[in-house]
Amino acid sequence: MKLLAHIPNWIKNKYFLTGSFFLIWMLFFAEKDIFSGIKQYKKLNSLQKSEKYQVKTITEAHKELDLLKTNAQTIEKYAREKYLMKKDNEDIFVISNQVDIR
């Protein structure tokens, strides 16, 4: 009983003990605790960034598709750049940006 005599009365209060237990339970042990909330917030941010990138890529692809449908010069440019196609009297030089250091 001497140990309980040194503890302040406000710590021995049943409301304080109940509130402390509830707070600790909600912060660490509940299904929607603070740590899982932070993890879900970070995941949400990364998914939103990914969504923005995908929307940007889709709009660029739609623009390119519209140009390919309407303009013959664009079709020729696309074939030359993507598939390295050439005319009979042309030579193609492919320049790579990769640097191999050994």
N, C-alpha and C. Protein backbone atom coordinates (compact mmCIF):
# COMPACT_ATOMS: atom_id res chain seq x y z
N MET A 1 0.80 -1.20 0.00
CA MET A 1 0.00 0.00 0.00
C MET A 1 0.84 1.27 0.00
N LYS A 2 2.11 1.13 0.37
CA LYS A 2 2.96 2.31 0.38
C LYS A 2 3.20 2.83 -1.03
N LEU A 3 3.20 1.92 -2.04
CA LEU A 3 3.38 2.36 -3.42
C LEU A 3 2.21 3.20 -3.89
N LEU A 4 1.01 2.84 -3.50
CA LEU A 4 -0.17 3.59 -3.90
C LEU A 4 -0.24 4.95 -3.22
N ALA A 5 0.41 5.10 -2.10
CA ALA A 5 0.39 6.37 -1.38
C ALA A 5 1.21 7.43 -2.11
N HIS A 6 2.21 7.02 -2.87
CA HIS A 6 3.06 7.98 -3.58
C HIS A 6 2.46 8.40 -4.92
N ILE A 7 1.47 7.70 -5.41
CA ILE A 7 0.83 8.04 -6.68
C ILE A 7 -0.17 9.16 -6.44
N PRO A 8 -0.13 10.23 -7.26
CA PRO A 8 -1.09 11.33 -7.08
C PRO A 8 -2.53 10.84 -7.27
N ASN A 9 -3.44 11.56 -6.64
CA ASN A 9 -4.85 11.16 -6.68
C ASN A 9 -5.45 11.29 -8.08
N TRP A 10 -5.01 12.26 -8.87
CA TRP A 10 -5.61 12.44 -10.20
C TRP A 10 -5.26 11.27 -11.12
N ILE A 11 -4.14 10.58 -10.86
CA ILE A 11 -3.81 9.40 -11.66
C ILE A 11 -4.66 8.21 -11.24
N LYS A 12 -5.05 8.14 -9.99
CA LYS A 12 -5.88 7.04 -9.50
C LYS A 12 -7.36 7.25 -9.81
N ASN A 13 -7.71 8.37 -10.37
CA ASN A 13 -9.10 8.68 -10.70
C ASN A 13 -9.61 7.71 -11.77
N LYS A 14 -10.80 7.15 -11.55
CA LYS A 14 -11.34 6.15 -12.47
C LYS A 14 -11.64 6.75 -13.85
N TYR A 15 -12.00 8.02 -13.91
CA TYR A 15 -12.28 8.65 -15.20
C TYR A 15 -10.98 8.86 -16.00
N PHE A 16 -9.93 9.25 -15.28
CA PHE A 16 -8.63 9.41 -15.93
C PHE A 16 -8.12 8.07 -16.46
N LEU A 17 -8.25 7.03 -15.66
CA LEU A 17 -7.81 5.70 -16.08
C LEU A 17 -8.60 5.20 -17.28
N THR A 18 -9.91 5.40 -17.25
CA THR A 18 -10.77 4.96 -18.36
C THR A 18 -10.45 5.76 -19.62
N GLY A 19 -10.31 7.06 -19.49
CA GLY A 19 -9.99 7.89 -20.64
C GLY A 19 -8.61 7.56 -21.22
N SER A 20 -7.65 7.31 -20.35
CA SER A 20 -6.31 6.94 -20.82
C SER A 20 -6.33 5.61 -21.55
N PHE A 21 -7.05 4.64 -20.99
CA PHE A 21 -7.17 3.34 -21.64
C PHE A 21 -7.83 3.50 -23.01
N PHE A 22 -8.89 4.28 -23.08
CA PHE A 22 -9.58 4.49 -24.35
C PHE A 22 -8.67 5.17 -25.37
N LEU A 23 -7.94 6.18 -24.95
CA LEU A 23 -7.03 6.90 -25.85
C LEU A 23 -5.93 5.98 -26.38
N ILE A 24 -5.32 5.20 -25.50
CA ILE A 24 -4.27 4.27 -25.93
C ILE A 24 -4.84 3.22 -26.87
N TRP A 25 -6.03 2.71 -26.56
CA TRP A 25 -6.67 1.72 -27.43
C TRP A 25 -6.93 2.29 -28.83
N MET A 26 -7.46 3.52 -28.87
CA MET A 26 -7.79 4.11 -30.17
C MET A 26 -6.54 4.47 -30.97
N LEU A 27 -5.46 4.85 -30.31
CA LEU A 27 -4.24 5.22 -31.03
C LEU A 27 -3.46 4.03 -31.54
N PHE A 28 -3.44 2.91 -30.82
CA PHE A 28 -2.55 1.83 -31.17
C PHE A 28 -3.23 0.50 -31.53
N PHE A 29 -4.37 0.19 -30.94
CA PHE A 29 -4.92 -1.16 -31.10
C PHE A 29 -6.20 -1.23 -31.93
N ALA A 30 -6.83 -0.14 -32.19
CA ALA A 30 -8.08 -0.16 -32.94
C ALA A 30 -7.82 -0.48 -34.40
N GLU A 31 -8.88 -0.85 -35.11
CA GLU A 31 -8.75 -1.20 -36.52
C GLU A 31 -8.30 0.00 -37.35
N LYS A 32 -8.77 1.18 -37.00
CA LYS A 32 -8.41 2.40 -37.72
C LYS A 32 -7.53 3.27 -36.83
N ASP A 33 -6.38 2.73 -36.46
CA ASP A 33 -5.47 3.47 -35.60
C ASP A 33 -4.71 4.53 -36.39
N ILE A 34 -3.91 5.30 -35.70
CA ILE A 34 -3.23 6.43 -36.31
C ILE A 34 -2.20 5.99 -37.35
N PHE A 35 -1.54 4.86 -37.12
CA PHE A 35 -0.49 4.42 -38.03
C PHE A 35 -1.07 3.92 -39.36
N SER A 36 -2.16 3.19 -39.29
CA SER A 36 -2.78 2.74 -40.55
C SER A 36 -3.38 3.93 -41.29
N GLY A 37 -3.85 4.94 -40.58
CA GLY A 37 -4.35 6.14 -41.23
C GLY A 37 -3.27 6.87 -41.98
N ILE A 38 -2.09 6.98 -41.40
CA ILE A 38 -0.96 7.63 -42.07
C ILE A 38 -0.54 6.83 -43.29
N LYS A 39 -0.51 5.49 -43.16
CA LYS A 39 -0.13 4.65 -44.28
C LYS A 39 -1.14 4.78 -45.43
N GLN A 40 -2.41 4.82 -45.10
CA GLN A 40 -3.44 4.97 -46.13
C GLN A 40 -3.36 6.35 -46.79
N TYR A 41 -3.02 7.38 -46.03
CA TYR A 41 -2.88 8.73 -46.58
C TYR A 41 -1.72 8.78 -47.59
N LYS A 42 -0.60 8.13 -47.26
CA LYS A 42 0.53 8.09 -48.18
C LYS A 42 0.17 7.31 -49.44
N LYS A 43 -0.55 6.21 -49.28
CA LYS A 43 -0.97 5.41 -50.44
C LYS A 43 -1.92 6.22 -51.32
N LEU A 44 -2.83 6.97 -50.70
CA LEU A 44 -3.75 7.82 -51.45
C LEU A 44 -2.98 8.85 -52.28
N ASN A 45 -1.98 9.48 -51.68
CA ASN A 45 -1.17 10.47 -52.40
C ASN A 45 -0.45 9.85 -53.59
N SER A 46 0.12 8.66 -53.39
CA SER A 46 0.83 8.02 -54.51
C SER A 46 -0.15 7.61 -55.61
N LEU A 47 -1.34 7.16 -55.25
CA LEU A 47 -2.35 6.80 -56.26
C LEU A 47 -2.84 8.03 -57.02
N GLN A 48 -2.96 9.16 -56.33
CA GLN A 48 -3.39 10.39 -57.01
C GLN A 48 -2.32 10.86 -57.99
N LYS A 49 -1.05 10.74 -57.62
CA LYS A 49 0.03 11.11 -58.54
C LYS A 49 0.02 10.19 -59.75
N SER A 50 -0.20 8.91 -59.51
CA SER A 50 -0.26 7.94 -60.61
C SER A 50 -1.44 8.25 -61.52
N GLU A 51 -2.56 8.63 -60.93
CA GLU A 51 -3.74 8.96 -61.74
C GLU A 51 -3.46 10.17 -62.63
N LYS A 52 -2.82 11.19 -62.08
CA LYS A 52 -2.48 12.38 -62.88
C LYS A 52 -1.57 12.01 -64.04
N TYR A 53 -0.59 11.15 -63.79
CA TYR A 53 0.32 10.73 -64.84
C TYR A 53 -0.43 9.95 -65.93
N GLN A 54 -1.31 9.06 -65.51
CA GLN A 54 -2.07 8.25 -66.48
C GLN A 54 -3.00 9.13 -67.31
N VAL A 55 -3.65 10.10 -66.68
CA VAL A 55 -4.54 11.00 -67.43
C VAL A 55 -3.74 11.81 -68.43
N LYS A 56 -2.56 12.28 -68.03
CA LYS A 56 -1.70 13.04 -68.94
C LYS A 56 -1.27 12.17 -70.12
N THR A 57 -0.90 10.93 -69.86
CA THR A 57 -0.49 10.01 -70.91
C THR A 57 -1.63 9.72 -71.87
N ILE A 58 -2.83 9.54 -71.33
CA ILE A 58 -3.99 9.25 -72.17
C ILE A 58 -4.32 10.45 -73.06
N THR A 59 -4.27 11.65 -72.52
CA THR A 59 -4.58 12.83 -73.34
C THR A 59 -3.54 13.01 -74.45
N GLU A 60 -2.27 12.76 -74.14
CA GLU A 60 -1.24 12.84 -75.17
C GLU A 60 -1.47 11.79 -76.25
N ALA A 61 -1.87 10.59 -75.87
CA ALA A 61 -2.13 9.53 -76.85
C ALA A 61 -3.32 9.88 -77.72
N HIS A 62 -4.36 10.49 -77.13
CA HIS A 62 -5.53 10.91 -77.92
C HIS A 62 -5.15 12.00 -78.94
N LYS A 63 -4.32 12.94 -78.52
CA LYS A 63 -3.88 14.00 -79.43
C LYS A 63 -3.08 13.40 -80.58
N GLU A 64 -2.18 12.48 -80.23
CA GLU A 64 -1.37 11.84 -81.27
C GLU A 64 -2.24 11.02 -82.22
N LEU A 65 -3.23 10.34 -81.70
CA LEU A 65 -4.15 9.56 -82.53
C LEU A 65 -4.94 10.46 -83.47
N ASP A 66 -5.41 11.59 -82.96
CA ASP A 66 -6.13 12.53 -83.82
C ASP A 66 -5.25 13.05 -84.94
N LEU A 67 -3.99 13.35 -84.62
CA LEU A 67 -3.07 13.81 -85.66
C LEU A 67 -2.81 12.71 -86.68
N LEU A 68 -2.68 11.47 -86.22
CA LEU A 68 -2.44 10.37 -87.14
C LEU A 68 -3.64 10.11 -88.05
N LYS A 69 -4.84 10.35 -87.54
CA LYS A 69 -6.04 10.14 -88.34
C LYS A 69 -6.23 11.22 -89.40
N THR A 70 -5.73 12.42 -89.15
CA THR A 70 -6.05 13.53 -90.03
C THR A 70 -4.90 13.97 -90.92
N ASN A 71 -3.66 13.72 -90.55
CA ASN A 71 -2.54 14.31 -91.26
C ASN A 71 -1.61 13.21 -91.80
N ALA A 72 -1.39 13.18 -93.11
CA ALA A 72 -0.53 12.18 -93.73
C ALA A 72 0.94 12.40 -93.37
N GLN A 73 1.34 13.65 -93.20
CA GLN A 73 2.73 13.93 -92.83
C GLN A 73 3.02 13.41 -91.42
N THR A 74 2.05 13.46 -90.57
CA THR A 74 2.23 12.95 -89.21
C THR A 74 2.39 11.44 -89.23
N ILE A 75 1.65 10.77 -90.09
CA ILE A 75 1.79 9.32 -90.21
C ILE A 75 3.20 8.96 -90.67
N GLU A 76 3.70 9.70 -91.64
CA GLU A 76 5.05 9.44 -92.14
C GLU A 76 6.09 9.70 -91.06
N LYS A 77 5.94 10.79 -90.32
CA LYS A 77 6.87 11.13 -89.24
C LYS A 77 6.84 10.06 -88.15
N TYR A 78 5.65 9.61 -87.81
CA TYR A 78 5.49 8.59 -86.77
C TYR A 78 6.17 7.29 -87.21
N ALA A 79 5.95 6.88 -88.46
CA ALA A 79 6.55 5.65 -88.96
C ALA A 79 8.07 5.76 -88.97
N ARG A 80 8.59 6.92 -89.33
CA ARG A 80 10.04 7.10 -89.37
C ARG A 80 10.65 7.07 -87.96
N GLU A 81 9.99 7.70 -87.01
CA GLU A 81 10.55 7.78 -85.66
C GLU A 81 10.38 6.49 -84.87
N LYS A 82 9.21 5.91 -84.93
CA LYS A 82 8.93 4.74 -84.08
C LYS A 82 9.41 3.43 -84.69
N TYR A 83 9.25 3.27 -85.98
CA TYR A 83 9.55 2.00 -86.62
C TYR A 83 10.77 2.05 -87.54
N LEU A 84 11.48 3.18 -87.56
CA LEU A 84 12.70 3.38 -88.34
C LEU A 84 12.50 3.04 -89.81
N MET A 85 11.35 3.38 -90.34
CA MET A 85 11.08 3.18 -91.76
C MET A 85 11.76 4.29 -92.56
N LYS A 86 12.07 3.97 -93.81
CA LYS A 86 12.77 4.96 -94.64
C LYS A 86 12.34 4.81 -96.09
N LYS A 87 12.64 5.84 -96.83
CA LYS A 87 12.40 5.79 -98.27
C LYS A 87 13.56 5.04 -98.93
N ASP A 88 13.39 4.69 -100.19
CA ASP A 88 14.40 3.89 -100.88
C ASP A 88 15.73 4.62 -101.02
N ASN A 89 15.71 5.93 -101.17
CA ASN A 89 16.95 6.66 -101.43
C ASN A 89 17.50 7.35 -100.17
N GLU A 90 17.15 6.85 -98.99
CA GLU A 90 17.59 7.48 -97.74
C GLU A 90 18.45 6.53 -96.93
N ASP A 91 19.25 7.11 -96.06
CA ASP A 91 20.01 6.36 -95.06
C ASP A 91 19.56 6.85 -93.69
N ILE A 92 19.49 5.94 -92.74
CA ILE A 92 19.07 6.30 -91.38
C ILE A 92 20.24 6.09 -90.43
N PHE A 93 20.49 7.09 -89.60
CA PHE A 93 21.51 7.00 -88.57
C PHE A 93 20.80 7.06 -87.22
N VAL A 94 20.97 6.03 -86.41
CA VAL A 94 20.33 5.96 -85.10
C VAL A 94 21.36 6.37 -84.06
N ILE A 95 21.03 7.39 -83.28
CA ILE A 95 21.92 7.90 -82.24
C ILE A 95 21.31 7.56 -80.90
N SER A 96 22.07 6.88 -80.08
CA SER A 96 21.59 6.45 -78.77
C SER A 96 22.16 7.35 -77.69
N ASN A 97 21.38 7.60 -76.66
CA ASN A 97 21.82 8.45 -75.54
C ASN A 97 22.44 7.64 -74.42
N GLN A 98 22.48 6.33 -74.54
CA GLN A 98 23.02 5.48 -73.50
C GLN A 98 24.53 5.54 -73.51
N VAL A 99 25.13 5.66 -72.34
CA VAL A 99 26.57 5.71 -72.19
C VAL A 99 27.00 4.46 -71.42
N ASP A 100 27.92 3.72 -71.99
CA ASP A 100 28.40 2.50 -71.35
C ASP A 100 29.81 2.76 -70.82
N ILE A 101 29.93 2.87 -69.49
CA ILE A 101 31.23 3.14 -68.87
C ILE A 101 31.70 1.86 -68.21
N ARG A 102 32.88 1.43 -68.63
CA ARG A 102 33.45 0.20 -68.03
C ARG A 102 34.84 0.44 -67.57
